[in-house]
Protein backbone atom coordinates (compact mmCIF):
# COMPACT_ATOMS: atom_id res chain seq x y z
CA MET A 1 175.91 93.57 134.80
CA GLU A 2 172.50 94.70 136.09
CA LYS A 3 169.50 93.32 134.20
CA LEU A 4 167.26 96.37 134.36
CA GLN A 5 168.14 99.70 132.85
CA TYR A 6 165.82 102.70 133.20
CA ILE A 7 165.83 105.07 130.24
CA SER A 8 165.00 108.54 131.48
CA GLN A 9 161.92 110.34 130.26
CA GLY A 10 160.48 113.84 130.62
CA SER A 11 160.03 116.98 128.57
CA THR A 12 161.73 119.36 131.04
CA LYS A 13 164.86 119.11 133.15
CA GLU A 14 162.73 119.05 136.29
CA GLU A 15 160.59 116.19 134.96
CA GLN A 16 163.65 114.24 133.91
CA GLU A 17 165.32 114.71 137.31
CA LEU A 18 162.18 113.73 139.19
CA ASN A 19 161.68 110.59 137.08
CA ILE A 20 165.32 109.56 137.54
CA TYR A 21 165.06 110.15 141.28
CA LYS A 22 161.83 108.10 141.53
CA ALA A 23 163.37 105.22 139.55
CA LEU A 24 166.45 105.17 141.80
CA ASP A 25 164.31 105.37 144.90
CA ALA A 26 162.28 102.41 143.64
CA GLY A 27 165.41 100.26 143.37
CA VAL A 28 166.75 100.80 139.84
CA LYS A 29 170.55 100.47 139.79
CA TRP A 30 171.22 101.55 136.23
CA ILE A 31 170.09 104.80 134.60
CA GLN A 32 170.50 105.79 130.96
CA VAL A 33 170.00 109.56 130.62
CA ARG A 34 168.16 110.21 127.37
CA TRP A 35 166.74 113.62 126.53
CA LYS A 36 166.71 114.13 122.79
CA ASN A 37 165.25 117.62 122.52
CA ALA A 38 167.22 119.42 125.22
CA SER A 39 169.54 122.36 124.67
CA GLU A 40 173.21 121.60 125.21
CA LEU A 41 173.30 123.49 128.51
CA GLU A 42 170.15 121.82 129.83
CA LEU A 43 171.45 118.39 128.89
CA ILE A 44 174.80 119.00 130.58
CA GLY A 45 172.97 120.18 133.73
CA LEU A 46 170.72 117.12 133.75
CA CYS A 47 173.58 114.68 133.18
CA GLU A 48 175.61 116.23 136.00
CA LYS A 49 172.61 115.99 138.32
CA ALA A 50 171.84 112.42 137.25
CA GLN A 51 175.45 111.44 137.86
CA LEU A 52 175.25 112.84 141.42
CA LEU A 53 171.93 111.11 142.11
CA CYS A 54 173.28 107.81 140.81
CA ALA A 55 176.37 108.17 142.99
CA ASP A 56 174.12 108.67 146.04
CA TYR A 57 172.22 105.48 145.19
CA LYS A 58 175.37 103.57 144.12
CA ALA A 59 173.82 103.18 140.69
CA ILE A 60 175.33 103.21 137.20
CA CYS A 61 174.81 106.32 135.08
CA ILE A 62 175.28 106.21 131.32
CA ILE A 63 174.52 108.89 128.75
CA ASN A 64 172.60 108.40 125.52
CA ASP A 65 174.51 109.45 122.35
CA HIS A 66 176.97 111.98 123.83
CA VAL A 67 180.38 110.37 124.25
CA LYS A 68 182.33 113.54 125.01
CA LEU A 69 179.77 114.64 127.59
CA ALA A 70 179.97 111.21 129.23
CA LYS A 71 183.73 111.59 129.45
CA ASP A 72 183.55 115.19 130.71
CA ILE A 73 181.23 114.35 133.62
CA ASN A 74 182.94 111.02 134.34
CA ALA A 75 179.78 109.01 133.67
CA ASP A 76 179.92 105.22 133.71
CA GLY A 77 179.44 104.98 129.97
CA VAL A 78 177.29 105.67 126.93
CA HIS A 79 174.60 104.10 124.82
CA LEU A 80 175.00 104.66 121.08
CA GLY A 81 172.45 104.42 118.30
CA LEU A 82 173.19 103.08 114.84
CA ASN A 83 173.73 106.59 113.48
CA ASP A 84 175.94 107.83 116.33
CA CYS A 85 179.72 107.63 116.41
CA SER A 86 181.21 104.15 116.16
CA ILE A 87 181.68 101.90 119.17
CA LEU A 88 185.39 101.80 118.36
CA GLU A 89 185.68 105.59 118.41
CA ALA A 90 183.73 105.77 121.69
CA ARG A 91 185.96 103.08 123.19
CA HIS A 92 189.02 105.10 122.16
CA ILE A 93 187.61 108.20 123.91
CA LEU A 94 186.27 106.51 127.05
CA GLY A 95 188.83 103.78 127.58
CA THR A 96 188.33 100.13 128.38
CA ASP A 97 186.67 100.40 131.78
CA ARG A 98 183.51 102.29 130.72
CA ILE A 99 180.24 100.69 129.66
CA ILE A 100 179.36 101.09 125.99
CA GLY A 101 176.03 99.84 124.68
CA GLY A 102 174.99 99.72 121.06
CA THR A 103 171.56 99.72 119.47
CA ALA A 104 170.52 96.99 117.03
CA ASN A 105 167.33 96.32 115.11
CA THR A 106 168.25 93.52 112.70
CA LEU A 107 170.37 90.38 112.65
CA GLU A 108 172.97 92.28 110.63
CA ASP A 109 173.07 94.98 113.31
CA VAL A 110 173.54 92.37 116.04
CA LEU A 111 176.38 90.68 114.14
CA GLN A 112 177.97 94.10 113.65
CA ARG A 113 177.64 94.90 117.35
CA MET A 114 179.10 91.49 118.26
CA SER A 115 182.19 92.35 116.23
CA GLU A 116 182.60 95.68 118.01
CA PRO A 117 183.99 96.30 121.50
CA CYS A 118 180.63 97.05 123.15
CA ASN A 119 179.46 95.62 126.47
CA TYR A 120 175.84 95.01 125.61
CA ILE A 121 173.36 95.29 122.77
CA GLY A 122 170.03 97.11 123.04
CA LEU A 123 167.82 95.20 120.60
CA GLY A 124 164.35 96.35 119.69
CA PRO A 125 161.75 97.57 119.66
CA LEU A 126 159.73 94.76 121.21
CA ARG A 127 156.52 96.60 120.46
CA PHE A 128 155.30 100.09 119.60
CA THR A 129 156.31 102.78 122.05
CA SER A 130 155.48 106.45 122.08
CA THR A 131 158.61 107.32 124.09
CA LYS A 132 160.92 107.07 121.08
CA GLU A 133 160.79 109.06 117.87
CA LYS A 134 161.74 107.47 114.52
CA LEU A 135 160.94 103.99 115.77
CA SER A 136 162.65 101.09 113.95
CA PRO A 137 160.58 98.15 112.67
CA ILE A 138 158.95 96.24 115.53
CA LEU A 139 160.57 92.86 116.34
CA GLY A 140 157.99 91.28 118.64
CA PHE A 141 158.85 88.13 120.57
CA GLU A 142 159.20 86.17 117.34
CA GLY A 143 161.86 88.54 116.09
CA TYR A 144 163.95 87.99 119.20
CA GLN A 145 163.40 84.24 119.03
CA HIS A 146 164.51 83.93 115.39
CA LEU A 147 167.59 86.00 116.05
CA ILE A 148 168.67 84.06 119.14
CA GLN A 149 168.01 80.77 117.35
CA TYR A 150 170.22 81.90 114.47
CA LEU A 151 173.07 82.68 116.86
CA GLU A 152 172.65 79.44 118.83
CA GLU A 153 172.51 77.27 115.70
CA ARG A 154 175.85 78.73 114.65
CA SER A 155 177.32 78.22 118.11
CA PHE A 156 177.92 81.90 118.77
CA ASP A 157 178.38 82.87 122.40
CA LEU A 158 175.25 84.87 123.12
CA PRO A 159 176.05 88.54 123.77
CA LYS A 160 174.29 90.43 126.56
CA ILE A 161 171.17 91.49 124.69
CA PHE A 162 168.70 93.89 126.32
CA ALA A 163 165.16 94.02 124.99
CA ILE A 164 164.05 97.59 124.47
CA GLY A 165 160.95 99.37 123.26
CA GLY A 166 157.63 99.03 125.04
CA VAL A 167 158.91 96.36 127.45
CA ARG A 168 156.60 95.58 130.39
CA LEU A 169 156.79 93.50 133.57
CA ASP A 170 154.80 90.60 132.15
CA ASP A 171 157.23 90.27 129.22
CA ILE A 172 160.21 89.31 131.38
CA GLU A 173 159.55 85.59 131.75
CA LEU A 174 159.15 84.96 128.02
CA LEU A 175 162.12 87.18 127.11
CA GLN A 176 164.32 85.19 129.51
CA GLN A 177 163.09 81.92 128.06
CA ILE A 178 164.08 83.17 124.61
CA GLY A 179 167.59 83.99 125.83
CA ILE A 180 167.45 87.75 126.32
CA TYR A 181 169.80 88.91 129.09
CA GLY A 182 168.02 92.02 130.39
CA VAL A 183 165.61 94.83 129.62
CA ALA A 184 165.66 98.59 129.17
CA VAL A 185 162.40 100.12 130.35
CA SER A 186 161.16 103.68 130.20
CA GLY A 187 157.41 104.24 130.09
CA GLN A 188 156.21 101.67 132.61
CA ILE A 189 158.72 102.76 135.28
CA THR A 190 158.07 106.45 134.62
CA ASN A 191 154.35 105.91 135.09
CA GLN A 192 154.64 103.48 137.99
CA PRO A 193 158.11 103.59 139.61
CA SER A 194 157.25 100.92 142.21
CA ILE A 195 157.06 98.33 139.44
CA ALA A 196 160.86 98.49 139.06
CA ASN A 197 161.29 96.22 142.06
CA ASP A 198 158.88 93.66 140.58
CA ILE A 199 160.82 93.72 137.30
CA ILE A 200 164.13 93.15 139.14
CA LYS A 201 162.63 90.27 141.15
CA SER A 202 161.17 88.65 138.04
CA PHE A 203 164.64 87.89 136.67
CA LYS A 204 165.80 84.41 137.64
């Protein structure tokens, strides 16, 4: 599984498409299409376009929240928030070969996600970010550390946890030391696509 996921950003379909294209061109191999305030038609159009772009770049394309849309356009999977449909229901709709990610903010959320048939956990936010509305309580590095320690002390196999929420290039080393598998980045890659390659290289 890739270690960097770009979460798309932009207030119009054109902006979203351009940002996805720039991220792919900069070396990102995994796109999550997220556009919360789009109309249904606009979102379908964007997801179809993103799927084509990702196919051109041999990259993974997953859709935020919309399981049926992901199935309809044959996307590689979905990412689901805590208030979306259950991982089990999504797995039933998409089958066993699609990627399903689940959001978590607390230890209880992580334990719940570990009991569900999801492929990775998006845990955050690391710090404040303006790219997400209704932000959950900020974890910081200490939050990740306490959570990983809890799992290790109880001999759980660590799930693939992605840090999310305000993640930047210079966070990668410490996050890896803590035991975080990968990162989901939006703002820094949107503003400076070329940094994607540095983020990928910084994983050991």
